[in-house]
Protein backbone atom coordinates (compact mmCIF):
# COMPACT_ATOMS: atom_id res chain seq x y z
CA MET A 1 -48.90 29.15 43.88
CA PRO A 2 -49.26 29.35 47.66
CA TYR A 3 -46.04 31.26 47.52
CA VAL A 4 -47.36 34.30 46.12
CA LYS A 5 -48.76 36.81 48.43
CA LYS A 6 -52.53 37.28 48.33
CA GLU A 7 -51.78 41.28 47.68
CA GLN A 8 -49.81 40.28 44.56
CA ARG A 9 -52.24 38.01 43.14
CA LYS A 10 -54.99 40.23 41.91
CA ASP A 11 -52.36 41.38 38.99
CA LEU A 12 -51.66 37.86 38.08
CA ASP A 13 -55.13 36.46 38.39
CA SER A 14 -55.95 39.45 35.40
CA ILE A 15 -53.33 37.75 33.07
CA VAL A 16 -54.87 34.34 33.92
CA GLU A 17 -58.64 35.89 33.00
CA SER A 18 -57.04 37.41 29.44
CA ALA A 19 -55.25 33.59 29.09
CA PHE A 20 -58.91 31.88 29.69
CA LYS A 21 -60.91 34.26 27.44
CA ILE A 22 -58.38 33.56 24.67
CA TYR A 23 -58.55 29.61 25.78
CA LYS A 24 -62.48 30.15 25.36
CA GLU A 25 -62.21 31.79 22.10
CA GLU A 26 -60.01 29.37 20.44
CA ASP A 27 -62.44 26.39 21.32
CA GLY A 28 -60.42 25.10 24.03
CA ARG A 29 -56.56 26.09 22.68
CA LEU A 30 -54.79 28.60 24.43
CA TYR A 31 -51.05 27.80 22.85
CA TRP A 32 -48.83 27.74 25.92
CA ASP A 33 -46.53 26.22 23.84
CA TYR A 34 -46.20 29.33 21.53
CA ILE A 35 -46.82 31.69 24.36
CA LEU A 36 -43.87 30.59 26.69
CA ILE A 37 -41.48 30.03 23.88
CA LYS A 38 -41.69 33.66 23.10
CA PHE A 39 -41.79 34.69 26.36
CA ALA A 40 -38.48 33.04 26.60
CA GLU A 41 -37.12 34.64 23.58
CA ARG A 42 -38.50 38.40 24.78
CA ASN A 43 -37.90 38.26 28.42
CA ILE A 44 -35.02 36.17 29.48
CA VAL A 45 -31.46 37.55 29.46
CA PRO A 46 -29.40 34.90 27.86
CA GLY A 47 -27.58 32.81 30.27
CA TYR A 48 -27.86 29.29 31.00
CA ASN A 49 -28.66 29.69 34.84
CA ARG A 50 -31.72 31.88 33.49
CA TYR A 51 -32.89 29.53 30.77
CA LYS A 52 -32.38 26.58 33.26
CA ASN A 53 -34.67 28.53 36.13
CA PHE A 54 -37.47 29.32 33.68
CA LEU A 55 -37.62 25.62 32.68
CA ALA A 56 -37.28 24.53 35.80
CA GLU A 57 -40.79 26.46 36.65
CA VAL A 58 -42.14 25.24 33.75
CA THR A 59 -41.56 21.76 34.88
CA GLU A 60 -42.27 22.01 38.26
CA SER A 61 -45.76 23.66 37.68
CA ALA A 62 -46.86 20.65 35.44
CA PHE A 63 -45.42 18.36 38.12
CA GLU A 64 -47.45 20.27 40.51
CA MET A 65 -50.77 20.00 38.69
CA GLU A 66 -50.11 16.41 37.91
CA ARG A 67 -49.70 15.66 42.06
CA ARG A 68 -52.57 17.75 42.79
CA PHE A 69 -54.57 17.40 40.06
CA HIS A 70 -54.29 13.79 39.53
CA THR A 71 -54.32 13.70 35.77
CA THR A 72 -50.79 11.44 34.85
CA SER A 73 -53.26 8.91 33.83
CA ALA A 74 -55.71 10.85 31.29
CA LEU A 75 -53.40 10.80 28.39
CA GLY A 76 -51.10 7.58 29.26
CA SER A 77 -47.43 8.08 29.56
CA SER A 78 -46.96 7.36 25.74
CA GLN A 79 -49.08 9.39 24.41
CA THR A 80 -47.69 12.90 23.43
CA GLU A 81 -48.35 16.00 21.37
CA SER A 82 -45.94 17.84 19.25
CA VAL A 83 -45.50 22.23 19.69
CA PHE A 84 -47.86 23.89 18.16
CA ILE A 85 -47.46 27.03 15.85
CA PRO A 86 -50.57 28.53 15.62
CA SER A 87 -51.87 30.00 12.65
CA ASP A 88 -51.01 33.95 11.15
CA GLN A 89 -54.80 35.52 12.83
CA VAL A 90 -53.97 33.67 15.94
CA PHE A 91 -50.49 35.48 16.32
CA VAL A 92 -51.44 38.70 16.66
CA ILE A 93 -53.72 37.83 20.04
CA LEU A 94 -51.03 35.63 21.21
CA ASP A 95 -48.18 38.09 20.68
CA ILE A 96 -50.65 40.89 22.79
CA PHE A 97 -50.97 38.13 25.36
CA VAL A 98 -47.32 37.50 25.62
CA GLU A 99 -46.57 41.79 25.94
CA LYS A 100 -48.91 41.11 28.79
CA LEU A 101 -46.23 38.63 30.61
CA ARG A 102 -43.11 41.30 29.83
CA GLY A 103 -41.48 41.85 33.32
CA LEU A 104 -43.45 38.94 34.93
CA GLY A 105 -40.81 37.33 37.26
CA ILE A 106 -39.83 34.13 36.39
CA ASP A 107 -39.79 32.74 40.20
CA GLY A 108 -43.15 32.17 41.77
CA ASP A 109 -45.33 34.73 39.36
CA LEU A 110 -44.83 32.33 36.01
CA ASN A 111 -45.71 29.26 38.01
CA TYR A 112 -48.57 30.76 39.76
CA ILE A 113 -50.16 31.87 36.58
CA LEU A 114 -49.35 28.47 34.84
CA PHE A 115 -51.00 26.65 37.84
CA ALA A 116 -54.08 28.98 38.41
CA PHE A 117 -54.38 28.22 34.66
CA GLY A 118 -54.93 24.50 35.02
CA ARG A 119 -56.85 25.16 37.49
CA ARG A 120 -59.06 27.12 35.65
CA ILE A 121 -59.66 24.63 32.75
CA GLY A 122 -60.55 22.27 35.20
CA LYS A 123 -63.56 24.42 36.39
CA PHE A 124 -64.66 25.50 33.05
CA ASP A 125 -64.68 21.92 31.11
CA ILE A 126 -65.71 19.70 34.02
CA LEU A 127 -67.14 17.17 31.63
CA ARG A 128 -63.40 16.78 29.99
CA LYS A 129 -61.58 17.82 33.28
CA SER A 130 -59.07 15.30 33.67
CA ARG A 131 -58.32 15.27 29.91
CA SER A 132 -58.02 19.11 29.44
CA GLN A 133 -55.47 19.37 32.02
CA ALA A 134 -53.73 16.14 31.15
CA SER A 135 -53.22 17.66 27.48
CA TYR A 136 -52.38 20.98 29.36
CA ILE A 137 -49.63 19.57 31.23
CA LEU A 138 -48.44 17.50 28.67
CA GLN A 139 -47.95 20.71 26.43
CA LEU A 140 -46.33 22.48 28.87
CA LYS A 141 -43.55 19.42 29.42
CA ASN A 142 -43.21 19.06 25.52
CA THR A 143 -42.43 23.08 25.44
CA VAL A 144 -39.78 22.78 27.92
CA GLY A 145 -38.17 20.15 26.05
CA TYR A 146 -38.54 22.24 22.63
CA ILE A 147 -36.86 25.25 24.34
CA ARG A 148 -34.31 23.35 25.92
CA LYS A 149 -33.54 21.86 22.31
CA THR A 150 -33.65 25.28 20.65
CA ILE A 151 -33.09 28.17 22.80
CA LEU A 152 -31.00 26.71 25.48
CA ALA A 153 -28.96 24.59 23.06
CA SER A 154 -28.67 27.76 20.44
CA TYR A 155 -27.27 29.39 23.82
CA GLU A 156 -24.86 26.59 24.55
CA ASP A 157 -23.52 26.49 20.81
CA ARG A 158 -22.71 30.04 20.72
CA LYS A 159 -21.10 29.92 24.28
CA ILE A 160 -18.90 26.72 23.04
CA GLU A 161 -17.96 28.65 19.98
CA GLU A 162 -16.90 31.87 22.21
CA ASN A 163 -15.03 30.06 24.93
CA GLY A 164 -14.12 26.46 23.18
CA ASP A 165 -15.72 23.19 24.00
CA VAL A 166 -14.85 21.05 27.25
CA ILE A 167 -12.11 18.93 26.80
């Protein structure tokens, strides 16, 4: 995203290139759903606002891609994809990639990587550009919903047990 200064982009761009290498090797699938779920579990200190900020970054990245790539009609509003968990042989590759994200800033850095990857899909898969980008955006949105229902809801439930529910 434009908020990330040019001198900071080199390291982030190397993460995007690593992601794109996996994308090509996995025949156009990177499993961002799995990556973002594991990133949230491993890197976000539990806290409502921290989870909310993380989800907002992913959501805003998806909406900004829709706005700038004009992909909203490529899949249609009623079509959805479920969160997909990769096969065992892909876990190792993805977990290594998730480790590259350790220490990544949620504000700006993650948004930059997600957006740059979406742009890279369009340059690589020019024949299916609109559909590929729309599928990627939908995957991000669905992942936000999944994280909200699992990680964030689990955190909320623990806090209700600790502090009692709102009356």
